[in-house]
C-alpha atoms as a PDB file:
ATOM      1  CA  MET A   1       0.000   0.000   0.000  1.00  0.00           C
ATOM      2  CA  LEU A   2       2.826   2.400   0.858  1.00  0.00           C
ATOM      3  CA  LYS A   3       4.552   1.616  -2.484  1.00  0.00           C
ATOM      4  CA  LYS A   4       1.400   2.515  -4.429  1.00  0.00           C
ATOM      5  CA  LYS A   5       1.049   5.842  -2.606  1.00  0.00           C
ATOM      6  CA  PHE A   6       4.725   6.614  -3.231  1.00  0.00           C
ATOM      7  CA  LYS A   7       4.378   5.813  -6.952  1.00  0.00           C
ATOM      8  CA  LEU A   8       1.245   7.964  -7.163  1.00  0.00           C
ATOM      9  CA  PHE A   9       3.120  10.785  -5.429  1.00  0.00           C
ATOM     10  CA  LEU A  10       6.025  10.534  -7.911  1.00  0.00           C
ATOM     11  CA  ILE A  11       3.675  10.516 -10.898  1.00  0.00           C
ATOM     12  CA  THR A  12       1.828  13.553  -9.552  1.00  0.00           C
ATOM     13  CA  LEU A  13       5.091  15.367  -8.894  1.00  0.00           C
ATOM     14  CA  PHE A  14       6.285  14.595 -12.435  1.00  0.00           C
ATOM     15  CA  LEU A  15       3.044  15.849 -13.999  1.00  0.00           C
ATOM     16  CA  LEU A  16       3.110  19.043 -11.959  1.00  0.00           C
ATOM     17  CA  SER A  17       6.702  19.785 -12.953  1.00  0.00           C
ATOM     18  CA  PHE A  18       5.899  19.124 -16.622  1.00  0.00           C
ATOM     19  CA  THR A  19       2.914  21.476 -16.459  1.00  0.00           C
ATOM     20  CA  SER A  20       4.970  24.254 -14.894  1.00  0.00           C
ATOM     21  CA  LEU A  21       7.650  23.882 -17.582  1.00  0.00           C
ATOM     22  CA  SER A  22       5.116  24.367 -20.370  1.00  0.00           C
ATOM     23  CA  TYR A  23       3.835  27.596 -18.786  1.00  0.00           C
ATOM     24  CA  ALA A  24       7.348  28.869 -18.073  1.00  0.00           C
ATOM     25  CA  GLN A  25       7.925  29.532 -21.788  1.00  0.00           C
ATOM     26  CA  GLU A  26       5.179  32.164 -22.052  1.00  0.00           C
ATOM     27  CA  THR A  27       6.766  35.538 -21.389  1.00  0.00           C
ATOM     28  CA  PHE A  28       6.968  39.015 -22.866  1.00  0.00           C
ATOM     29  CA  LEU A  29       9.909  40.304 -24.915  1.00  0.00           C
ATOM     30  CA  SER A  30      10.654  43.479 -26.896  1.00  0.00           C
ATOM     31  CA  LEU A  31      12.259  44.140 -30.262  1.00  0.00           C
ATOM     32  CA  LYS A  32      15.882  45.327 -30.129  1.00  0.00           C
ATOM     33  CA  LYS A  33      15.968  46.864 -33.605  1.00  0.00           C
ATOM     34  CA  SER A  34      13.751  49.052 -35.768  1.00  0.00           C
ATOM     35  CA  LYS A  35      13.591  46.416 -38.532  1.00  0.00           C
ATOM     36  CA  VAL A  36      13.033  42.741 -37.625  1.00  0.00           C
ATOM     37  CA  ASN A  37      12.079  39.872 -39.943  1.00  0.00           C
ATOM     38  CA  VAL A  38       9.326  37.526 -38.799  1.00  0.00           C
ATOM     39  CA  ARG A  39       9.497  34.098 -40.423  1.00  0.00           C
ATOM     40  CA  TYR A  40       7.074  31.242 -41.051  1.00  0.00           C
ATOM     41  CA  GLY A  41       9.385  28.751 -39.355  1.00  0.00           C
ATOM     42  CA  PRO A  42      12.341  28.661 -36.958  1.00  0.00           C
ATOM     43  CA  SER A  43      15.227  28.965 -39.439  1.00  0.00           C
ATOM     44  CA  PHE A  44      16.907  31.502 -41.685  1.00  0.00           C
ATOM     45  CA  GLU A  45      15.877  29.365 -44.680  1.00  0.00           C
ATOM     46  CA  SER A  46      12.213  29.823 -43.795  1.00  0.00           C
ATOM     47  CA  PRO A  47      10.505  32.567 -45.839  1.00  0.00           C
ATOM     48  CA  ILE A  48       9.860  35.984 -44.306  1.00  0.00           C
ATOM     49  CA  LYS A  49       6.207  36.350 -43.270  1.00  0.00           C
ATOM     50  CA  PHE A  50       6.330  40.090 -42.485  1.00  0.00           C
ATOM     51  CA  ILE A  51       8.670  42.744 -41.060  1.00  0.00           C
ATOM     52  CA  TYR A  52       8.292  44.698 -37.823  1.00  0.00           C
ATOM     53  CA  LYS A  53       9.521  48.296 -38.063  1.00  0.00           C
ATOM     54  CA  LYS A  54       9.097  49.447 -34.455  1.00  0.00           C
ATOM     55  CA  VAL A  55      11.912  49.253 -31.896  1.00  0.00           C
ATOM     56  CA  ASN A  56      10.785  48.233 -28.360  1.00  0.00           C
ATOM     57  CA  LEU A  57       7.545  46.694 -29.658  1.00  0.00           C
ATOM     58  CA  PRO A  58       6.349  44.244 -26.956  1.00  0.00           C
ATOM     59  CA  LEU A  59       5.707  40.654 -28.069  1.00  0.00           C
ATOM     60  CA  LYS A  60       4.523  37.576 -26.200  1.00  0.00           C
ATOM     61  CA  GLN A  61       6.749  34.508 -26.561  1.00  0.00           C
ATOM     62  CA  ILE A  62       4.529  31.458 -27.004  1.00  0.00           C
ATOM     63  CA  ASP A  63       7.109  28.851 -28.044  1.00  0.00           C
ATOM     64  CA  LYS A  64      10.831  28.409 -28.532  1.00  0.00           C
ATOM     65  CA  LYS A  65      13.062  26.133 -30.552  1.00  0.00           C
ATOM     66  CA  GLU A  66      16.821  26.436 -30.084  1.00  0.00           C
ATOM     67  CA  ASN A  67      17.699  30.094 -30.866  1.00  0.00           C
ATOM     68  CA  TRP A  68      14.264  30.943 -32.257  1.00  0.00           C
ATOM     69  CA  ARG A  69      11.218  32.339 -30.463  1.00  0.00           C
ATOM     70  CA  ARG A  70       7.656  32.070 -31.695  1.00  0.00           C
ATOM     71  CA  VAL A  71       5.945  35.321 -30.810  1.00  0.00           C
ATOM     72  CA  ILE A  72       2.539  36.914 -31.060  1.00  0.00           C
ATOM     73  CA  ASP A  73       1.801  40.642 -31.030  1.00  0.00           C
ATOM     74  CA  PHE A  74      -1.143  42.557 -29.592  1.00  0.00           C
ATOM     75  CA  LYS A  75      -2.978  42.268 -32.946  1.00  0.00           C
ATOM     76  CA  ASN A  76      -2.557  38.431 -32.926  1.00  0.00           C
ATOM     77  CA  ASN A  77       0.060  38.343 -35.706  1.00  0.00           C
ATOM     78  CA  SER A  78       2.504  35.523 -35.052  1.00  0.00           C
ATOM     79  CA  GLY A  79       5.745  34.114 -36.386  1.00  0.00           C
ATOM     80  CA  TRP A  80       9.329  33.156 -35.556  1.00  0.00           C
ATOM     81  CA  ILE A  81      12.114  35.618 -34.666  1.00  0.00           C
ATOM     82  CA  HIS A  82      15.766  34.850 -33.948  1.00  0.00           C
ATOM     83  CA  TRP A  83      16.595  35.504 -30.289  1.00  0.00           C
ATOM     84  CA  SER A  84      19.336  38.001 -31.236  1.00  0.00           C
ATOM     85  CA  GLN A  85      16.614  40.446 -32.340  1.00  0.00           C
ATOM     86  CA  LEU A  86      14.810  40.309 -28.968  1.00  0.00           C
ATOM     87  CA  LYS A  87      15.413  41.603 -25.440  1.00  0.00           C
ATOM     88  CA  GLU A  88      13.705  41.389 -22.079  1.00  0.00           C
ATOM     89  CA  ILE A  89      10.482  43.331 -21.930  1.00  0.00           C
ATOM     90  CA  ASN A  90      10.833  47.047 -21.376  1.00  0.00           C
ATOM     91  CA  SER A  91       7.679  48.302 -23.054  1.00  0.00           C
ATOM     92  CA  ILE A  92       3.905  47.988 -23.018  1.00  0.00           C
ATOM     93  CA  ILE A  93       0.987  48.922 -25.244  1.00  0.00           C
ATOM     94  CA  PRO A  94      -2.339  50.139 -23.824  1.00  0.00           C
ATOM     95  CA  THR A  95      -5.293  48.394 -25.475  1.00  0.00           C
ATOM     96  CA  LYS A  96      -7.608  51.235 -24.418  1.00  0.00           C
ATOM     97  CA  ASP A  97      -7.012  54.959 -23.919  1.00  0.00           C
ATOM     98  CA  LYS A  98      -5.351  55.609 -20.533  1.00  0.00           C
ATOM     99  CA  ILE A  99      -4.669  58.562 -18.258  1.00  0.00           C
ATOM    100  CA  LEU A 100      -1.057  59.213 -17.284  1.00  0.00           C
ATOM    101  CA  PHE A 101      -0.810  60.312 -13.642  1.00  0.00           C
ATOM    102  CA  GLU A 102       1.994  62.105 -11.812  1.00  0.00           C
ATOM    103  CA  ASN A 103       1.978  59.494  -8.989  1.00  0.00           C
ATOM    104  CA  PRO A 104       0.634  55.907  -8.695  1.00  0.00           C
ATOM    105  CA  THR A 105      -2.836  56.894  -7.445  1.00  0.00           C
ATOM    106  CA  ASN A 106      -6.116  57.945  -9.061  1.00  0.00           C
ATOM    107  CA  PHE A 107      -6.072  61.088  -6.879  1.00  0.00           C
ATOM    108  CA  SER A 108      -2.799  62.281  -8.393  1.00  0.00           C
ATOM    109  CA  LYS A 109      -2.507  65.043 -10.982  1.00  0.00           C
ATOM    110  CA  PRO A 110      -3.370  63.785 -14.501  1.00  0.00           C
ATOM    111  CA  LEU A 111      -0.582  64.601 -16.949  1.00  0.00           C
ATOM    112  CA  ALA A 112      -1.758  63.317 -20.332  1.00  0.00           C
ATOM    113  CA  LYS A 113      -4.158  61.083 -22.195  1.00  0.00           C
ATOM    114  CA  ILE A 114      -2.350  58.097 -23.696  1.00  0.00           C
ATOM    115  CA  LYS A 115      -3.989  56.723 -26.852  1.00  0.00           C
ATOM    116  CA  SER A 116      -4.432  52.979 -27.285  1.00  0.00           C
ATOM    117  CA  GLY A 117      -1.787  51.252 -29.407  1.00  0.00           C
ATOM    118  CA  ARG A 118       1.086  53.547 -28.389  1.00  0.00           C
ATOM    119  CA  VAL A 119       4.368  51.876 -27.369  1.00  0.00           C
ATOM    120  CA  LEU A 120       5.395  53.055 -23.891  1.00  0.00           C
ATOM    121  CA  ILE A 121       8.777  52.467 -22.239  1.00  0.00           C
ATOM    122  CA  VAL A 122       8.462  50.965 -18.750  1.00  0.00           C
ATOM    123  CA  GLN A 123      10.781  52.102 -15.975  1.00  0.00           C
ATOM    124  CA  LYS A 124       9.222  49.942 -13.250  1.00  0.00           C
ATOM    125  CA  CYS A 125       5.966  48.320 -12.136  1.00  0.00           C
ATOM    126  CA  ASN A 126       4.597  47.834  -8.639  1.00  0.00           C
ATOM    127  CA  GLY A 127       1.552  45.615  -9.115  1.00  0.00           C
ATOM    128  CA  ILE A 128      -1.342  47.654 -10.490  1.00  0.00           C
ATOM    129  CA  TRP A 129       0.741  50.664 -11.620  1.00  0.00           C
ATOM    130  CA  CYS A 130       3.656  51.063 -14.040  1.00  0.00           C
ATOM    131  CA  LYS A 131       5.946  54.071 -14.295  1.00  0.00           C
ATOM    132  CA  ILE A 132       6.418  54.856 -17.969  1.00  0.00           C
ATOM    133  CA  ASN A 133       7.879  57.512 -20.169  1.00  0.00           C
ATOM    134  CA  THR A 134       6.917  58.762 -23.592  1.00  0.00           C
ATOM    135  CA  ASP A 135       8.585  61.317 -25.839  1.00  0.00           C
ATOM    136  CA  ASP A 136       7.008  64.156 -23.864  1.00  0.00           C
ATOM    137  CA  PHE A 137       5.898  62.801 -20.473  1.00  0.00           C
ATOM    138  CA  GLU A 138       6.899  60.610 -17.545  1.00  0.00           C
ATOM    139  CA  GLY A 139       4.298  59.255 -15.142  1.00  0.00           C
ATOM    140  CA  TRP A 140       2.198  56.339 -13.936  1.00  0.00           C
ATOM    141  CA  ILE A 141      -0.585  54.326 -15.596  1.00  0.00           C
ATOM    142  CA  LYS A 142      -2.721  51.473 -14.310  1.00  0.00           C
ATOM    143  CA  THR A 143      -1.854  48.027 -15.658  1.00  0.00           C
ATOM    144  CA  ASP A 144      -5.420  47.049 -16.618  1.00  0.00           C
ATOM    145  CA  ASN A 145      -6.008  46.889 -20.392  1.00  0.00           C
ATOM    146  CA  ILE A 146      -2.264  46.722 -21.092  1.00  0.00           C
ATOM    147  CA  TRP A 147      -0.443  44.459 -23.567  1.00  0.00           C
ATOM    148  CA  GLY A 148       2.995  43.463 -22.293  1.00  0.00           C
ATOM    149  CA  VAL A 149       2.323  42.591 -18.659  1.00  0.00           C
ATOM    150  CA  LEU A 150       1.644  39.008 -17.527  1.00  0.00           C
ATOM    151  CA  ASP A 151      -1.275  38.615 -15.120  1.00  0.00           C
END
């Protein structure tokens, strides 16, 4: 009886570790360059599907194979990018219009209205607020309705 419980425990432990590994691959990344090829498959011989022309564009990594990352953008376009063209996430995109505040509170002074779809550079996040900067402003926005932050 003890052997059966031990075997069941080991099987459960194995399945839990396998499940956590599959979720560990999903993360956000950003583009390093202002021109990045997105391919149909994970190799340089694979044809180019489209080209991103926006540095710091946030992308969600959904798969990886050797030095290639399969990514999806906030408009659900997907493809493979070589890892050398990517960096750790440092940007977000609001999916709805947002208000930029001076401090991380709704009672703070509003600084600007941020339009949806704009790439914002993140300095830091503290849960429900992220400190960002744009070309003209620096301030805080709430992290609801944001592409580039894992829940």
